[in-house]
Amino acid sequence: MEGFDFLSESQWQPLADFGFVHSFFNIDRTTVINTWFVILIIGLFGCFCRYIFFRRQKHILLFHTLMAFIKAFYDITIQSLGIFSFNHFSFIASLFIYIILCNSISLIPGSEEPTKNLNTTLALSLISFFYVQYYTIITHGLRAYIKEYFDPIFIMLPLNIVGKFASIISMAFRLYGNIFGGSTIATIYFSTLHGSTLFQTIGLLSGINLIILLFFGLFEGAIQAFVFAMLTITYLSIALSTEQTEKPIGKS
């Protein structure tokens, strides 16, 4: 049907009718579809977790697995910040879950990692950056936050600004580079096997195909998600380093 022709296009141009036809304004169809697919999975996973918590007597193993995951990020939050903050705990855990699903969704046939698109990783880096800046201002006040850019002397302002924004580029390109590189290697490997029945059989029977899929799809995806989450909470810990830690555990 003509009304759904846009679904077959690799690049959408939503602003083309207004004269904005530069590639900067294009939207990658594959990235958008896979991103919403990840969001759908997270929604279903949340419902599943809720069911497990209410039926924990019947699913005791799954319940303890979920509790171990929660405990791990609970400990990370306390070790990094010195106190437990539900807001920071929720943000870091959510960031990890979202990124690991984005990194590993290629294990589902026909899907591609949204994080192998630089726009996705840049958006995640911006979210992380502004989250840290927001809580820095909340903690120390706007005046102290602005003053930090002039330390130790006022002529350091440009360098301090560059240093702040360098963290955005660093985190975005680190995640993008690792996922894109892994995806490219896996694609080249399976493309090489595609033309040879013998190689396909050897790869299947030897388990190499499975190892490639699990390494670049799951293991590397988990590592990069954990690194991104840890960098975020590390930046947050540095930004809040002068915050008093006298709040009782359980208070945000």
Protein backbone atom coordinates (compact mmCIF):
# COMPACT_ATOMS: atom_id res chain seq x y z
CA MET A 1 0.00 0.00 0.00
CA GLU A 2 1.28 3.45 -0.88
CA GLY A 3 0.48 4.78 2.57
CA PHE A 4 3.10 2.47 4.10
CA ASP A 5 5.84 2.91 1.50
CA PHE A 6 7.92 4.86 4.02
CA LEU A 7 8.39 1.66 6.05
CA SER A 8 10.53 0.19 3.27
CA GLU A 9 12.87 3.19 3.15
CA SER A 10 16.19 2.96 5.00
CA GLN A 11 16.22 6.70 5.70
CA TRP A 12 13.20 8.78 6.63
CA GLN A 13 13.04 12.49 5.81
CA PRO A 14 10.27 13.86 8.05
CA LEU A 15 11.20 17.49 7.35
CA ALA A 16 11.66 17.16 3.59
CA ASP A 17 8.33 18.92 2.92
CA PHE A 18 9.69 21.95 4.77
CA GLY A 19 12.88 22.09 2.71
CA PHE A 20 15.16 20.33 5.20
CA VAL A 21 16.65 17.61 3.01
CA HIS A 22 20.18 17.48 4.42
CA SER A 23 21.28 14.07 5.72
CA PHE A 24 21.54 15.62 9.20
CA PHE A 25 17.74 15.64 9.40
CA ASN A 26 17.32 12.04 8.23
CA ILE A 27 16.10 9.32 10.58
CA ASP A 28 17.48 5.81 10.28
CA ARG A 29 14.52 3.43 9.97
CA THR A 30 16.36 0.37 11.29
CA THR A 31 17.61 2.16 14.38
CA VAL A 32 14.17 3.56 15.24
CA ILE A 33 12.39 0.22 14.79
CA ASN A 34 14.95 -1.71 16.82
CA THR A 35 14.95 0.97 19.54
CA TRP A 36 11.19 0.63 19.95
CA PHE A 37 11.59 -3.13 19.91
CA VAL A 38 14.01 -2.82 22.84
CA ILE A 39 11.55 -0.56 24.67
CA LEU A 40 8.83 -3.17 24.13
CA ILE A 41 11.10 -5.88 25.54
CA ILE A 42 11.85 -3.72 28.59
CA GLY A 43 8.11 -3.20 29.14
CA LEU A 44 7.44 -6.94 28.94
CA PHE A 45 10.44 -7.64 31.17
CA GLY A 46 9.11 -5.19 33.76
CA CYS A 47 5.73 -6.95 33.76
CA PHE A 48 7.50 -10.30 34.08
CA CYS A 49 9.56 -9.05 37.06
CA ARG A 50 6.42 -7.74 38.73
CA TYR A 51 4.80 -11.15 38.29
CA ILE A 52 7.87 -12.90 39.76
CA PHE A 53 7.86 -10.64 42.83
CA PHE A 54 4.18 -11.33 43.50
CA ARG A 55 4.59 -15.08 42.85
CA ARG A 56 8.03 -15.52 44.36
CA GLN A 57 7.06 -18.66 46.26
CA LYS A 58 6.36 -20.42 42.96
CA HIS A 59 9.43 -19.03 41.15
CA ILE A 60 11.98 -18.90 43.94
CA LEU A 61 15.02 -19.28 41.63
CA LEU A 62 13.99 -16.43 39.35
CA PHE A 63 13.15 -14.31 42.38
CA HIS A 64 16.61 -14.77 43.89
CA THR A 65 18.20 -14.06 40.49
CA LEU A 66 16.38 -10.74 40.30
CA MET A 67 17.28 -9.94 43.88
CA ALA A 68 20.95 -10.68 43.14
CA PHE A 69 20.82 -8.21 40.22
CA ILE A 70 19.21 -5.55 42.41
CA LYS A 71 21.69 -6.20 45.23
CA ALA A 72 24.62 -5.81 42.82
CA PHE A 73 23.55 -2.32 41.76
CA TYR A 74 22.58 -1.47 45.32
CA ASP A 75 26.16 -2.25 46.39
CA ILE A 76 27.64 -0.36 43.42
CA THR A 77 25.63 2.73 44.35
CA ILE A 78 26.78 2.68 47.98
CA GLN A 79 30.42 1.93 47.11
CA SER A 80 30.55 4.72 44.53
CA LEU A 81 28.58 7.43 46.33
CA GLY A 82 29.05 6.48 49.96
CA ILE A 83 25.28 6.50 50.52
CA PHE A 84 22.28 4.86 48.92
CA SER A 85 20.19 7.06 46.67
CA PHE A 86 17.16 5.46 45.05
CA ASN A 87 17.22 8.03 42.25
CA HIS A 88 20.81 7.28 41.30
CA PHE A 89 20.34 3.53 41.78
CA SER A 90 17.31 3.53 39.48
CA PHE A 91 19.05 5.62 36.84
CA ILE A 92 22.22 3.51 36.71
CA ALA A 93 20.32 0.20 36.72
CA SER A 94 17.93 1.42 34.01
CA LEU A 95 20.83 2.67 31.92
CA PHE A 96 22.54 -0.70 32.18
CA ILE A 97 19.41 -2.69 31.30
CA TYR A 98 18.60 -0.50 28.31
CA ILE A 99 22.14 -0.55 26.90
CA ILE A 100 22.70 -4.28 27.37
CA LEU A 101 19.44 -5.00 25.54
CA CYS A 102 20.39 -2.60 22.75
CA ASN A 103 23.82 -4.25 22.49
CA SER A 104 22.49 -7.81 22.52
CA ILE A 105 19.33 -7.54 20.46
CA SER A 106 21.21 -8.81 17.38
CA LEU A 107 20.87 -12.30 18.89
CA ILE A 108 17.26 -12.12 17.71
CA PRO A 109 17.22 -12.89 13.95
CA GLY A 110 16.43 -9.85 11.83
CA SER A 111 17.38 -7.33 14.53
CA GLU A 112 20.31 -4.92 14.70
CA GLU A 113 21.90 -3.09 17.61
CA PRO A 114 20.63 0.50 17.96
CA THR A 115 23.95 1.28 19.66
CA LYS A 116 25.91 0.70 16.47
CA ASN A 117 24.39 3.99 15.35
CA LEU A 118 26.37 6.97 16.67
CA ASN A 119 23.18 8.98 17.18
CA THR A 120 21.99 6.47 19.79
CA THR A 121 25.24 6.42 21.75
CA LEU A 122 25.51 10.21 21.58
CA ALA A 123 21.97 10.53 22.94
CA LEU A 124 22.82 8.16 25.80
CA SER A 125 25.97 10.16 26.57
CA LEU A 126 24.00 13.41 26.62
CA ILE A 127 21.44 11.89 28.98
CA SER A 128 24.23 10.72 31.28
CA PHE A 129 26.01 14.08 31.09
CA PHE A 130 22.95 16.22 31.85
CA TYR A 131 21.91 13.88 34.66
CA VAL A 132 25.28 14.41 36.34
CA GLN A 133 25.20 18.18 35.76
CA TYR A 134 21.67 18.45 37.12
CA TYR A 135 22.51 16.71 40.38
CA THR A 136 25.75 18.66 40.67
CA ILE A 137 23.76 21.89 40.60
CA ILE A 138 21.16 20.48 43.00
CA THR A 139 23.90 19.43 45.43
CA HIS A 140 26.30 22.39 45.31
CA GLY A 141 24.15 25.18 43.92
CA LEU A 142 24.33 27.04 40.63
CA ARG A 143 26.92 29.54 41.82
CA ALA A 144 29.39 26.85 42.91
CA TYR A 145 28.75 24.93 39.70
CA ILE A 146 29.59 27.93 37.52
CA LYS A 147 32.59 28.80 39.69
CA GLU A 148 34.03 25.33 39.03
CA TYR A 149 34.54 26.26 35.38
CA PHE A 150 36.89 29.08 36.43
CA ASP A 151 39.11 26.96 38.68
CA PRO A 152 41.95 27.35 39.38
CA ILE A 153 42.04 30.67 37.44
CA PHE A 154 39.55 32.32 35.11
CA ILE A 155 41.62 31.73 31.94
CA MET A 156 40.97 27.99 32.40
CA LEU A 157 37.31 28.48 31.42
CA PRO A 158 37.71 27.25 27.79
CA LEU A 159 39.72 24.21 28.86
CA ASN A 160 37.23 23.32 31.58
CA ILE A 161 34.35 23.57 29.12
CA VAL A 162 36.19 21.38 26.61
CA GLY A 163 36.98 18.91 29.38
CA LYS A 164 33.32 18.66 30.34
CA PHE A 165 32.11 18.05 26.80
CA ALA A 166 34.99 15.69 26.06
CA SER A 167 33.37 13.18 28.40
CA ILE A 168 30.28 13.17 26.16
CA ILE A 169 32.32 12.41 23.04
CA SER A 170 34.45 9.86 24.86
CA MET A 171 31.52 7.85 26.19
CA ALA A 172 29.59 8.05 22.92
CA PHE A 173 32.47 6.92 20.72
CA ARG A 174 33.63 4.23 23.16
CA LEU A 175 30.23 2.52 23.13
CA TYR A 176 29.66 3.11 19.42
CA GLY A 177 33.13 1.94 18.39
CA ASN A 178 33.01 -1.30 20.35
CA ILE A 179 29.50 -2.29 19.26
CA PHE A 180 29.97 -1.22 15.65
CA GLY A 181 33.34 -2.99 15.49
CA GLY A 182 31.93 -6.20 16.95
CA SER A 183 28.96 -6.09 14.61
CA THR A 184 31.24 -5.55 11.61
CA ILE A 185 33.49 -8.49 12.54
CA ALA A 186 30.49 -10.78 13.03
CA THR A 187 28.98 -9.65 9.73
CA ILE A 188 32.22 -10.29 7.85
CA TYR A 189 32.56 -13.72 9.45
CA PHE A 190 29.05 -14.87 8.56
CA SER A 191 29.29 -13.33 5.09
CA THR A 192 32.40 -15.42 4.50
CA LEU A 193 30.56 -18.58 5.53
CA HIS A 194 27.52 -17.75 3.43
CA GLY A 195 29.11 -18.81 0.15
CA SER A 196 30.44 -22.16 1.37
CA THR A 197 28.35 -25.09 2.59
CA LEU A 198 31.51 -26.73 3.93
CA PHE A 199 32.47 -23.73 6.07
CA GLN A 200 28.91 -23.34 7.30
CA THR A 201 28.85 -26.98 8.40
CA ILE A 202 32.23 -26.71 10.12
CA GLY A 203 31.25 -23.50 11.88
CA LEU A 204 27.96 -25.00 13.04
CA LEU A 205 29.33 -28.35 14.23
CA SER A 206 32.45 -26.90 15.87
CA GLY A 207 30.44 -24.31 17.80
CA ILE A 208 32.42 -21.39 16.37
CA ASN A 209 29.23 -19.76 15.08
CA LEU A 210 27.70 -19.87 18.55
CA ILE A 211 30.88 -18.54 20.15
CA ILE A 212 30.98 -15.59 17.71
CA LEU A 213 27.31 -14.81 18.37
CA LEU A 214 27.61 -15.02 22.14
CA PHE A 215 30.90 -13.13 22.35
CA PHE A 216 30.00 -10.16 20.16
CA GLY A 217 26.27 -10.26 20.91
CA LEU A 218 26.06 -11.00 24.62
CA PHE A 219 29.44 -10.89 26.37
CA GLU A 220 30.77 -7.74 24.70
CA GLY A 221 27.35 -6.13 24.95
CA ALA A 222 27.22 -6.77 28.70
CA ILE A 223 30.76 -5.48 29.21
CA GLN A 224 30.11 -2.25 27.32
CA ALA A 225 26.81 -1.66 29.12
CA PHE A 226 28.54 -2.15 32.46
CA VAL A 227 31.41 0.17 31.48
CA PHE A 228 28.97 2.90 30.41
CA ALA A 229 26.98 2.58 33.65
CA MET A 230 30.15 2.61 35.76
CA LEU A 231 31.54 5.67 33.97
CA THR A 232 28.28 7.48 34.62
CA ILE A 233 28.22 6.70 38.33
CA THR A 234 31.95 7.52 38.57
CA TYR A 235 31.39 10.97 37.05
CA LEU A 236 28.45 11.39 39.40
CA SER A 237 30.54 10.36 42.39
CA ILE A 238 33.26 12.87 41.47
CA ALA A 239 30.68 15.62 40.97
CA LEU A 240 29.06 14.92 44.35
CA SER A 241 32.32 14.22 46.16
CA THR A 242 31.79 17.00 48.72
CA GLU A 243 28.26 15.90 49.51
CA GLN A 244 27.73 14.96 53.14
CA THR A 245 27.16 11.26 53.66
CA GLU A 246 25.23 11.48 56.89
CA LYS A 247 21.89 10.50 55.38
CA PRO A 248 20.67 7.12 56.54
CA ILE A 249 20.64 4.36 53.98
CA GLY A 250 17.34 4.29 52.15
CA LYS A 251 17.05 8.05 51.75
CA SER A 252 17.60 9.58 48.32
